[in-house]
PDB file of N, CA and C in Angstrom:
ATOM      1  N   MET A   1      18.462  -1.421 -25.956  1.00  0.00           N
ATOM      2  CA  MET A   1      19.527  -2.236 -24.811  1.00  0.00           C
ATOM      3  C   MET A   1      19.226  -1.530 -23.701  1.00  0.00           C
ATOM      4  N   LEU A   2      19.230  -2.346 -22.500  1.00  0.00           N
ATOM      5  CA  LEU A   2      19.288  -1.835 -21.246  1.00  0.00           C
ATOM      6  C   LEU A   2      20.919  -1.457 -20.677  1.00  0.00           C
ATOM      7  N   LEU A   3      21.124  -0.383 -19.801  1.00  0.00           N
ATOM      8  CA  LEU A   3      22.196  -0.371 -19.227  1.00  0.00           C
ATOM      9  C   LEU A   3      22.185  -0.205 -17.812  1.00  0.00           C
ATOM     10  N   ILE A   4      22.938  -1.618 -17.370  1.00  0.00           N
ATOM     11  CA  ILE A   4      22.745  -1.942 -16.029  1.00  0.00           C
ATOM     12  C   ILE A   4      23.834  -1.293 -15.239  1.00  0.00           C
ATOM     13  N   PRO A   5      23.369  -0.603 -14.194  1.00  0.00           N
ATOM     14  CA  PRO A   5      24.631  -0.448 -13.266  1.00  0.00           C
ATOM     15  C   PRO A   5      25.030  -1.247 -12.538  1.00  0.00           C
ATOM     16  N   CYS A   6      26.167  -2.336 -12.691  1.00  0.00           N
ATOM     17  CA  CYS A   6      26.676  -2.808 -11.898  1.00  0.00           C
ATOM     18  C   CYS A   6      27.175  -2.372 -10.535  1.00  0.00           C
ATOM     19  N   PRO A   7      26.929  -2.407  -9.236  1.00  0.00           N
ATOM     20  CA  PRO A   7      27.542  -1.561  -7.729  1.00  0.00           C
ATOM     21  C   PRO A   7      28.780  -1.797  -7.811  1.00  0.00           C
ATOM     22  N   PHE A   8      29.973  -2.895  -8.850  1.00  0.00           N
ATOM     23  CA  PHE A   8      31.241  -2.782  -8.841  1.00  0.00           C
ATOM     24  C   PHE A   8      31.741  -2.663  -9.774  1.00  0.00           C
ATOM     25  N   CYS A   9      31.384  -2.501 -11.266  1.00  0.00           N
ATOM     26  CA  CYS A   9      31.677  -2.214 -12.333  1.00  0.00           C
ATOM     27  C   CYS A   9      31.126  -1.057 -12.942  1.00  0.00           C
ATOM     28  N   GLY A  10      29.953  -0.231 -12.627  1.00  0.00           N
ATOM     29  CA  GLY A  10      29.338   0.745 -13.379  1.00  0.00           C
ATOM     30  C   GLY A  10      28.876   0.022 -14.346  1.00  0.00           C
ATOM     31  N   PRO A  11      27.875   1.353 -14.788  1.00  0.00           N
ATOM     32  CA  PRO A  11      26.977   0.923 -16.258  1.00  0.00           C
ATOM     33  C   PRO A  11      27.672   0.038 -17.050  1.00  0.00           C
ATOM     34  N   ARG A  12      26.432  -0.959 -17.491  1.00  0.00           N
ATOM     35  CA  ARG A  12      27.346  -1.877 -18.475  1.00  0.00           C
ATOM     36  C   ARG A  12      26.164  -2.293 -19.287  1.00  0.00           C
ATOM     37  N   PRO A  13      26.193  -2.674 -20.818  1.00  0.00           N
ATOM     38  CA  PRO A  13      24.603  -3.351 -21.636  1.00  0.00           C
ATOM     39  C   PRO A  13      24.888  -4.487 -21.214  1.00  0.00           C
ATOM     40  N   GLU A  14      23.604  -4.703 -21.280  1.00  0.00           N
ATOM     41  CA  GLU A  14      22.858  -5.742 -20.567  1.00  0.00           C
ATOM     42  C   GLU A  14      23.791  -7.048 -20.995  1.00  0.00           C
ATOM     43  N   LEU A  15      23.833  -7.264 -22.122  1.00  0.00           N
ATOM     44  CA  LEU A  15      24.803  -8.658 -22.656  1.00  0.00           C
ATOM     45  C   LEU A  15      25.524  -9.056 -21.915  1.00  0.00           C
ATOM     46  N   GLU A  16      26.296  -8.421 -20.907  1.00  0.00           N
ATOM     47  CA  GLU A  16      26.892  -8.769 -19.875  1.00  0.00           C
ATOM     48  C   GLU A  16      26.482  -9.213 -18.641  1.00  0.00           C
ATOM     49  N   PHE A  17      25.159  -9.800 -18.484  1.00  0.00           N
ATOM     50  CA  PHE A  17      24.511  -9.675 -17.373  1.00  0.00           C
ATOM     51  C   PHE A  17      23.620 -11.268 -17.722  1.00  0.00           C
ATOM     52  N   ARG A  18      23.521 -11.975 -16.391  1.00  0.00           N
ATOM     53  CA  ARG A  18      22.228 -12.758 -16.642  1.00  0.00           C
ATOM     54  C   ARG A  18      21.483 -12.696 -15.365  1.00  0.00           C
ATOM     55  N   TYR A  19      19.804 -12.849 -15.644  1.00  0.00           N
ATOM     56  CA  TYR A  19      19.380 -13.128 -14.744  1.00  0.00           C
ATOM     57  C   TYR A  19      19.595 -14.140 -13.837  1.00  0.00           C
ATOM     58  N   GLY A  20      18.741 -13.806 -12.193  1.00  0.00           N
ATOM     59  CA  GLY A  20      19.146 -14.918 -11.572  1.00  0.00           C
ATOM     60  C   GLY A  20      18.249 -15.269 -10.595  1.00  0.00           C
ATOM     61  N   GLY A  21      16.790 -14.457 -10.732  1.00  0.00           N
ATOM     62  CA  GLY A  21      15.496 -15.054  -9.959  1.00  0.00           C
ATOM     63  C   GLY A  21      15.213 -13.652  -9.115  1.00  0.00           C
ATOM     64  N   GLN A  22      14.436 -14.369  -8.477  1.00  0.00           N
ATOM     65  CA  GLN A  22      13.957 -13.451  -7.357  1.00  0.00           C
ATOM     66  C   GLN A  22      15.106 -12.808  -6.442  1.00  0.00           C
ATOM     67  N   ALA A  23      15.249 -11.707  -5.700  1.00  0.00           N
ATOM     68  CA  ALA A  23      16.171 -11.469  -4.665  1.00  0.00           C
ATOM     69  C   ALA A  23      15.497 -11.799  -3.263  1.00  0.00           C
ATOM     70  N   HIS A  24      16.479 -11.984  -2.303  1.00  0.00           N
ATOM     71  CA  HIS A  24      16.103 -12.030  -0.746  1.00  0.00           C
ATOM     72  C   HIS A  24      15.335 -13.165  -0.688  1.00  0.00           C
ATOM     73  N   ILE A  25      15.770 -14.310  -1.237  1.00  0.00           N
ATOM     74  CA  ILE A  25      14.890 -15.934  -0.721  1.00  0.00           C
ATOM     75  C   ILE A  25      16.115 -16.486  -0.262  1.00  0.00           C
ATOM     76  N   ALA A  26      15.612 -16.606   1.426  1.00  0.00           N
ATOM     77  CA  ALA A  26      16.224 -17.474   1.968  1.00  0.00           C
ATOM     78  C   ALA A  26      16.451 -18.951   2.320  1.00  0.00           C
ATOM     79  N   ARG A  27      17.147 -19.672   2.206  1.00  0.00           N
ATOM     80  CA  ARG A  27      17.319 -20.863   2.243  1.00  0.00           C
ATOM     81  C   ARG A  27      16.877 -21.765   3.037  1.00  0.00           C
ATOM     82  N   PRO A  28      15.990 -22.551   3.353  1.00  0.00           N
ATOM     83  CA  PRO A  28      15.569 -23.461   4.451  1.00  0.00           C
ATOM     84  C   PRO A  28      16.874 -24.010   5.383  1.00  0.00           C
ATOM     85  N   GLU A  29      17.061 -23.351   6.683  1.00  0.00           N
ATOM     86  CA  GLU A  29      17.942 -24.111   7.895  1.00  0.00           C
ATOM     87  C   GLU A  29      18.196 -25.389   7.494  1.00  0.00           C
ATOM     88  N   ASN A  30      16.835 -25.981   7.196  1.00  0.00           N
ATOM     89  CA  ASN A  30      17.254 -27.684   7.263  1.00  0.00           C
ATOM     90  C   ASN A  30      16.264 -27.930   6.238  1.00  0.00           C
ATOM     91  N   PRO A  31      17.012 -28.088   5.126  1.00  0.00           N
ATOM     92  CA  PRO A  31      16.106 -28.956   4.042  1.00  0.00           C
ATOM     93  C   PRO A  31      15.383 -30.129   4.387  1.00  0.00           C
ATOM     94  N   ALA A  32      16.327 -31.080   4.585  1.00  0.00           N
ATOM     95  CA  ALA A  32      15.907 -32.280   5.051  1.00  0.00           C
ATOM     96  C   ALA A  32      15.080 -32.341   5.428  1.00  0.00           C
ATOM     97  N   ALA A  33      14.352 -31.651   6.343  1.00  0.00           N
ATOM     98  CA  ALA A  33      13.135 -31.511   7.507  1.00  0.00           C
ATOM     99  C   ALA A  33      11.797 -30.976   6.681  1.00  0.00           C
ATOM    100  N   LEU A  34      11.950 -30.912   5.580  1.00  0.00           N
ATOM    101  CA  LEU A  34      10.656 -30.480   4.926  1.00  0.00           C
ATOM    102  C   LEU A  34      10.336 -31.470   3.779  1.00  0.00           C
ATOM    103  N   SER A  35       8.951 -31.034   3.693  1.00  0.00           N
ATOM    104  CA  SER A  35       8.113 -32.057   3.262  1.00  0.00           C
ATOM    105  C   SER A  35       8.854 -32.047   1.234  1.00  0.00           C
ATOM    106  N   ASP A  36       8.011 -32.621   0.824  1.00  0.00           N
ATOM    107  CA  ASP A  36       8.237 -32.415  -0.591  1.00  0.00           C
ATOM    108  C   ASP A  36       7.536 -31.490  -1.187  1.00  0.00           C
ATOM    109  N   GLY A  37       6.270 -31.516  -0.789  1.00  0.00           N
ATOM    110  CA  GLY A  37       5.754 -29.746  -1.225  1.00  0.00           C
ATOM    111  C   GLY A  37       6.351 -28.686  -0.966  1.00  0.00           C
ATOM    112  N   GLU A  38       6.459 -28.916   0.247  1.00  0.00           N
ATOM    113  CA  GLU A  38       7.487 -27.516   1.014  1.00  0.00           C
ATOM    114  C   GLU A  38       8.832 -27.308   0.488  1.00  0.00           C
ATOM    115  N   TRP A  39       9.669 -27.960  -0.306  1.00  0.00           N
ATOM    116  CA  TRP A  39      10.899 -28.287  -0.816  1.00  0.00           C
ATOM    117  C   TRP A  39      10.384 -27.530  -2.127  1.00  0.00           C
ATOM    118  N   ALA A  40       9.606 -28.640  -2.994  1.00  0.00           N
ATOM    119  CA  ALA A  40       8.884 -28.060  -4.212  1.00  0.00           C
ATOM    120  C   ALA A  40       8.557 -26.543  -4.216  1.00  0.00           C
ATOM    121  N   GLU A  41       8.205 -25.994  -2.856  1.00  0.00           N
ATOM    122  CA  GLU A  41       7.538 -24.634  -2.912  1.00  0.00           C
ATOM    123  C   GLU A  41       8.537 -23.877  -3.164  1.00  0.00           C
ATOM    124  N   PHE A  42       9.707 -23.939  -2.293  1.00  0.00           N
ATOM    125  CA  PHE A  42      10.727 -23.294  -1.970  1.00  0.00           C
ATOM    126  C   PHE A  42      11.536 -23.227  -3.630  1.00  0.00           C
ATOM    127  N   LEU A  43      11.557 -24.410  -4.054  1.00  0.00           N
ATOM    128  CA  LEU A  43      12.473 -23.868  -5.037  1.00  0.00           C
ATOM    129  C   LEU A  43      11.601 -23.465  -6.893  1.00  0.00           C
ATOM    130  N   TYR A  44       9.987 -23.859  -6.391  1.00  0.00           N
ATOM    131  CA  TYR A  44       9.853 -23.220  -7.683  1.00  0.00           C
ATOM    132  C   TYR A  44       8.559 -22.167  -7.282  1.00  0.00           C
ATOM    133  N   LEU A  45       8.155 -21.833  -6.243  1.00  0.00           N
ATOM    134  CA  LEU A  45       7.133 -20.427  -6.505  1.00  0.00           C
ATOM    135  C   LEU A  45       7.755 -19.291  -6.180  1.00  0.00           C
ATOM    136  N   ARG A  46       7.474 -18.397  -7.105  1.00  0.00           N
ATOM    137  CA  ARG A  46       8.244 -17.070  -6.538  1.00  0.00           C
ATOM    138  C   ARG A  46       7.126 -15.938  -7.074  1.00  0.00           C
ATOM    139  N   ASP A  47       7.582 -15.073  -6.353  1.00  0.00           N
ATOM    140  CA  ASP A  47       6.358 -13.581  -6.747  1.00  0.00           C
ATOM    141  C   ASP A  47       6.550 -13.026  -8.072  1.00  0.00           C
ATOM    142  N   ASN A  48       5.513 -12.864  -8.465  1.00  0.00           N
ATOM    143  CA  ASN A  48       5.305 -12.676 -10.284  1.00  0.00           C
ATOM    144  C   ASN A  48       4.811 -11.219 -10.090  1.00  0.00           C
ATOM    145  N   VAL A  49       5.496 -10.395  -9.468  1.00  0.00           N
ATOM    146  CA  VAL A  49       4.591  -8.681  -9.238  1.00  0.00           C
ATOM    147  C   VAL A  49       4.400  -8.043 -10.608  1.00  0.00           C
ATOM    148  N   ARG A  50       3.674  -7.206 -10.477  1.00  0.00           N
ATOM    149  CA  ARG A  50       3.692  -6.037 -11.574  1.00  0.00           C
ATOM    150  C   ARG A  50       3.834  -4.902 -10.813  1.00  0.00           C
ATOM    151  N   GLY A  51       5.016  -4.686 -11.318  1.00  0.00           N
ATOM    152  CA  GLY A  51       5.560  -3.240 -10.781  1.00  0.00           C
ATOM    153  C   GLY A  51       6.633  -3.508 -10.269  1.00  0.00           C
ATOM    154  N   VAL A  52       7.376  -2.737  -9.027  1.00  0.00           N
ATOM    155  CA  VAL A  52       8.711  -2.720  -8.348  1.00  0.00           C
ATOM    156  C   VAL A  52       8.747  -4.211  -8.024  1.00  0.00           C
ATOM    157  N   HIS A  53       9.974  -4.717  -8.105  1.00  0.00           N
ATOM    158  CA  HIS A  53      10.197  -6.291  -8.028  1.00  0.00           C
ATOM    159  C   HIS A  53      11.853  -6.443  -7.654  1.00  0.00           C
ATOM    160  N   ALA A  54      12.463  -6.807  -6.767  1.00  0.00           N
ATOM    161  CA  ALA A  54      13.760  -6.945  -6.362  1.00  0.00           C
ATOM    162  C   ALA A  54      14.382  -8.399  -6.825  1.00  0.00           C
ATOM    163  N   GLU A  55      15.380  -8.467  -7.860  1.00  0.00           N
ATOM    164  CA  GLU A  55      16.345  -9.441  -8.788  1.00  0.00           C
ATOM    165  C   GLU A  55      17.211  -9.269  -8.441  1.00  0.00           C
ATOM    166  N   ARG A  56      17.328 -10.509  -8.538  1.00  0.00           N
ATOM    167  CA  ARG A  56      18.799 -11.083  -8.624  1.00  0.00           C
ATOM    168  C   ARG A  56      19.723 -11.238  -9.491  1.00  0.00           C
ATOM    169  N   TRP A  57      21.153 -10.454 -10.167  1.00  0.00           N
ATOM    170  CA  TRP A  57      21.370 -10.613 -11.320  1.00  0.00           C
ATOM    171  C   TRP A  57      22.965 -10.896 -10.953  1.00  0.00           C
ATOM    172  N   ARG A  58      23.714 -11.519 -12.202  1.00  0.00           N
ATOM    173  CA  ARG A  58      24.954 -11.849 -12.032  1.00  0.00           C
ATOM    174  C   ARG A  58      25.523 -10.742 -13.439  1.00  0.00           C
ATOM    175  N   HIS A  59      26.999 -10.155 -12.898  1.00  0.00           N
ATOM    176  CA  HIS A  59      27.606  -9.879 -13.913  1.00  0.00           C
ATOM    177  C   HIS A  59      28.357 -10.615 -14.493  1.00  0.00           C
ATOM    178  N   ILE A  60      28.333 -11.890 -15.381  1.00  0.00           N
ATOM    179  CA  ILE A  60      28.941 -12.627 -16.106  1.00  0.00           C
ATOM    180  C   ILE A  60      29.954 -12.227 -16.909  1.00  0.00           C
ATOM    181  N   HIS A  61      30.280 -11.385 -17.782  1.00  0.00           N
ATOM    182  CA  HIS A  61      30.890 -11.094 -18.748  1.00  0.00           C
ATOM    183  C   HIS A  61      31.905  -9.756 -18.106  1.00  0.00           C
ATOM    184  N   GLY A  62      31.735  -9.564 -16.566  1.00  0.00           N
ATOM    185  CA  GLY A  62      32.831  -8.465 -16.109  1.00  0.00           C
ATOM    186  C   GLY A  62      33.529  -8.948 -14.731  1.00  0.00           C
ATOM    187  N   CYS A  63      32.599  -8.502 -13.336  1.00  0.00           N
ATOM    188  CA  CYS A  63      33.492  -8.873 -12.140  1.00  0.00           C
ATOM    189  C   CYS A  63      33.175 -10.140 -11.631  1.00  0.00           C
ATOM    190  N   ALA A  64      31.942 -11.112 -12.637  1.00  0.00           N
ATOM    191  CA  ALA A  64      31.559 -11.827 -12.211  1.00  0.00           C
ATOM    192  C   ALA A  64      30.821 -12.052 -11.213  1.00  0.00           C
ATOM    193  N   ARG A  65      30.169 -10.969 -10.043  1.00  0.00           N
ATOM    194  CA  ARG A  65      29.665 -11.286  -8.742  1.00  0.00           C
ATOM    195  C   ARG A  65      27.954 -10.853  -9.280  1.00  0.00           C
ATOM    196  N   PHE A  66      27.230 -11.210  -7.685  1.00  0.00           N
ATOM    197  CA  PHE A  66      26.159 -11.152  -7.510  1.00  0.00           C
ATOM    198  C   PHE A  66      25.471 -10.083  -7.371  1.00  0.00           C
ATOM    199  N   PHE A  67      24.667  -9.287  -7.547  1.00  0.00           N
ATOM    200  CA  PHE A  67      24.344  -8.186  -6.675  1.00  0.00           C
ATOM    201  C   PHE A  67      22.384  -7.913  -6.947  1.00  0.00           C
ATOM    202  N   ASN A  68      22.076  -7.370  -6.468  1.00  0.00           N
ATOM    203  CA  ASN A  68      20.464  -7.046  -6.595  1.00  0.00           C
ATOM    204  C   ASN A  68      19.879  -5.962  -7.266  1.00  0.00           C
ATOM    205  N   MET A  69      18.527  -5.684  -7.843  1.00  0.00           N
ATOM    206  CA  MET A  69      18.230  -4.787  -8.461  1.00  0.00           C
ATOM    207  C   MET A  69      16.586  -4.463  -8.278  1.00  0.00           C
ATOM    208  N   LEU A  70      16.497  -3.322  -7.854  1.00  0.00           N
ATOM    209  CA  LEU A  70      15.038  -3.252  -8.153  1.00  0.00           C
ATOM    210  C   LEU A  70      14.575  -2.527  -9.536  1.00  0.00           C
ATOM    211  N   ARG A  71      13.578  -3.343 -10.375  1.00  0.00           N
ATOM    212  CA  ARG A  71      13.251  -2.931 -11.379  1.00  0.00           C
ATOM    213  C   ARG A  71      11.772  -2.758 -11.293  1.00  0.00           C
ATOM    214  N   ASP A  72      11.396  -1.676 -12.105  1.00  0.00           N
ATOM    215  CA  ASP A  72       9.891  -1.832 -12.311  1.00  0.00           C
ATOM    216  C   ASP A  72       9.264  -2.775 -13.702  1.00  0.00           C
ATOM    217  N   THR A  73       8.557  -3.851 -13.756  1.00  0.00           N
ATOM    218  CA  THR A  73       8.306  -4.877 -14.631  1.00  0.00           C
ATOM    219  C   THR A  73       7.700  -4.606 -15.850  1.00  0.00           C
ATOM    220  N   THR A  74       6.688  -3.371 -15.500  1.00  0.00           N
ATOM    221  CA  THR A  74       5.940  -2.596 -16.366  1.00  0.00           C
ATOM    222  C   THR A  74       6.378  -1.686 -17.331  1.00  0.00           C
ATOM    223  N   THR A  75       7.589  -1.201 -16.984  1.00  0.00           N
ATOM    224  CA  THR A  75       8.473  -0.494 -17.919  1.00  0.00           C
ATOM    225  C   THR A  75      10.047  -0.670 -18.295  1.00  0.00           C
ATOM    226  N   ASP A  76      10.413  -1.914 -17.473  1.00  0.00           N
ATOM    227  CA  ASP A  76      11.612  -1.812 -17.401  1.00  0.00           C
ATOM    228  C   ASP A  76      12.505  -0.955 -17.052  1.00  0.00           C
ATOM    229  N   ARG A  77      11.895  -0.029 -16.313  1.00  0.00           N
ATOM    230  CA  ARG A  77      13.041   1.010 -15.436  1.00  0.00           C
ATOM    231  C   ARG A  77      13.331   0.258 -14.479  1.00  0.00           C
ATOM    232  N   ILE A  78      15.141   0.380 -14.412  1.00  0.00           N
ATOM    233  CA  ILE A  78      15.882   0.131 -13.162  1.00  0.00           C
ATOM    234  C   ILE A  78      15.966   0.898 -12.394  1.00  0.00           C
ATOM    235  N   LEU A  79      15.733   0.686 -10.797  1.00  0.00           N
ATOM    236  CA  LEU A  79      15.447   2.136  -9.859  1.00  0.00           C
ATOM    237  C   LEU A  79      16.718   2.224  -9.260  1.00  0.00           C
ATOM    238  N   THR A  80      17.176   0.781  -8.765  1.00  0.00           N
ATOM    239  CA  THR A  80      18.509   1.309  -8.589  1.00  0.00           C
ATOM    240  C   THR A  80      19.076  -0.417  -8.476  1.00  0.00           C
ATOM    241  N   THR A  81      20.442  -0.213  -7.920  1.00  0.00           N
ATOM    242  CA  THR A  81      21.220  -1.979  -7.817  1.00  0.00           C
ATOM    243  C   THR A  81      22.092  -1.962  -6.520  1.00  0.00           C
ATOM    244  N   TYR A  82      22.087  -2.575  -5.546  1.00  0.00           N
ATOM    245  CA  TYR A  82      22.617  -2.639  -4.425  1.00  0.00           C
ATOM    246  C   TYR A  82      23.185  -4.376  -4.416  1.00  0.00           C
ATOM    247  N   LYS A  83      24.336  -4.169  -3.576  1.00  0.00           N
ATOM    248  CA  LYS A  83      25.233  -5.509  -3.208  1.00  0.00           C
ATOM    249  C   LYS A  83      24.064  -6.775  -2.579  1.00  0.00           C
ATOM    250  N   THR A  84      24.478  -7.679  -2.837  1.00  0.00           N
ATOM    251  CA  THR A  84      24.210  -8.790  -2.262  1.00  0.00           C
ATOM    252  C   THR A  84      24.620  -8.914  -0.911  1.00  0.00           C
ATOM    253  N   GLY A  85      23.480  -8.824  -0.267  1.00  0.00           N
ATOM    254  CA  GLY A  85      23.418  -8.846   1.620  1.00  0.00           C
ATOM    255  C   GLY A  85      23.488  -7.876   2.219  1.00  0.00           C
ATOM    256  N   GLU A  86      22.867  -6.982   1.128  1.00  0.00           N
ATOM    257  CA  GLU A  86      22.541  -5.351   1.799  1.00  0.00           C
ATOM    258  C   GLU A  86      20.887  -5.484   1.978  1.00  0.00           C
ATOM    259  N   PRO A  87      20.355  -4.391   2.827  1.00  0.00           N
ATOM    260  CA  PRO A  87      18.925  -4.561   3.085  1.00  0.00           C
ATOM    261  C   PRO A  87      18.118  -4.099   2.106  1.00  0.00           C
ATOM    262  N   ARG A  88      16.966  -4.520   1.310  1.00  0.00           N
ATOM    263  CA  ARG A  88      16.404  -3.884   0.462  1.00  0.00           C
ATOM    264  C   ARG A  88      15.822  -2.579   0.456  1.00  0.00           C
ATOM    265  N   PRO A  89      16.533  -1.334  -0.666  1.00  0.00           N
ATOM    266  CA  PRO A  89      16.117  -0.074  -0.325  1.00  0.00           C
ATOM    267  C   PRO A  89      14.617  -0.183  -0.721  1.00  0.00           C
ATOM    268  N   GLU A  90      13.980   1.298   0.035  1.00  0.00           N
ATOM    269  CA  GLU A  90      13.054   1.643  -0.555  1.00  0.00           C
ATOM    270  C   GLU A  90      12.624   2.032  -1.946  1.00  0.00           C
ATOM    271  N   ALA A  91      11.474   1.749  -2.613  1.00  0.00           N
ATOM    272  CA  ALA A  91      11.474   2.234  -4.185  1.00  0.00           C
ATOM    273  C   ALA A  91      11.940   3.702  -4.495  1.00  0.00           C
ATOM    274  N   VAL A  92      12.296   4.061  -5.293  1.00  0.00           N
ATOM    275  CA  VAL A  92      12.244   5.254  -5.547  1.00  0.00           C
ATOM    276  C   VAL A  92      11.220   5.749  -6.426  1.00  0.00           C
TER     277      VAL A  92
END
């Protein structure tokens, strides 16, 4: 079991968290102006990198807040967590 370091509550078991997708995805300013293809791309197409990936998580059974995590997808090693709205840190 992973211990996920919530930036608000500290380390907690992974069962308390839910994955929220790729981090740092900006919502289009005017979604109505997008074509169906562009809207589908925004909704469904995400990076699927091998290595360090910025992810969004929510501490469901704790503070209930969203935060971001840098995780190496090849090893499941958590490099760092940081609050939503903060810039992505450099990979450690």
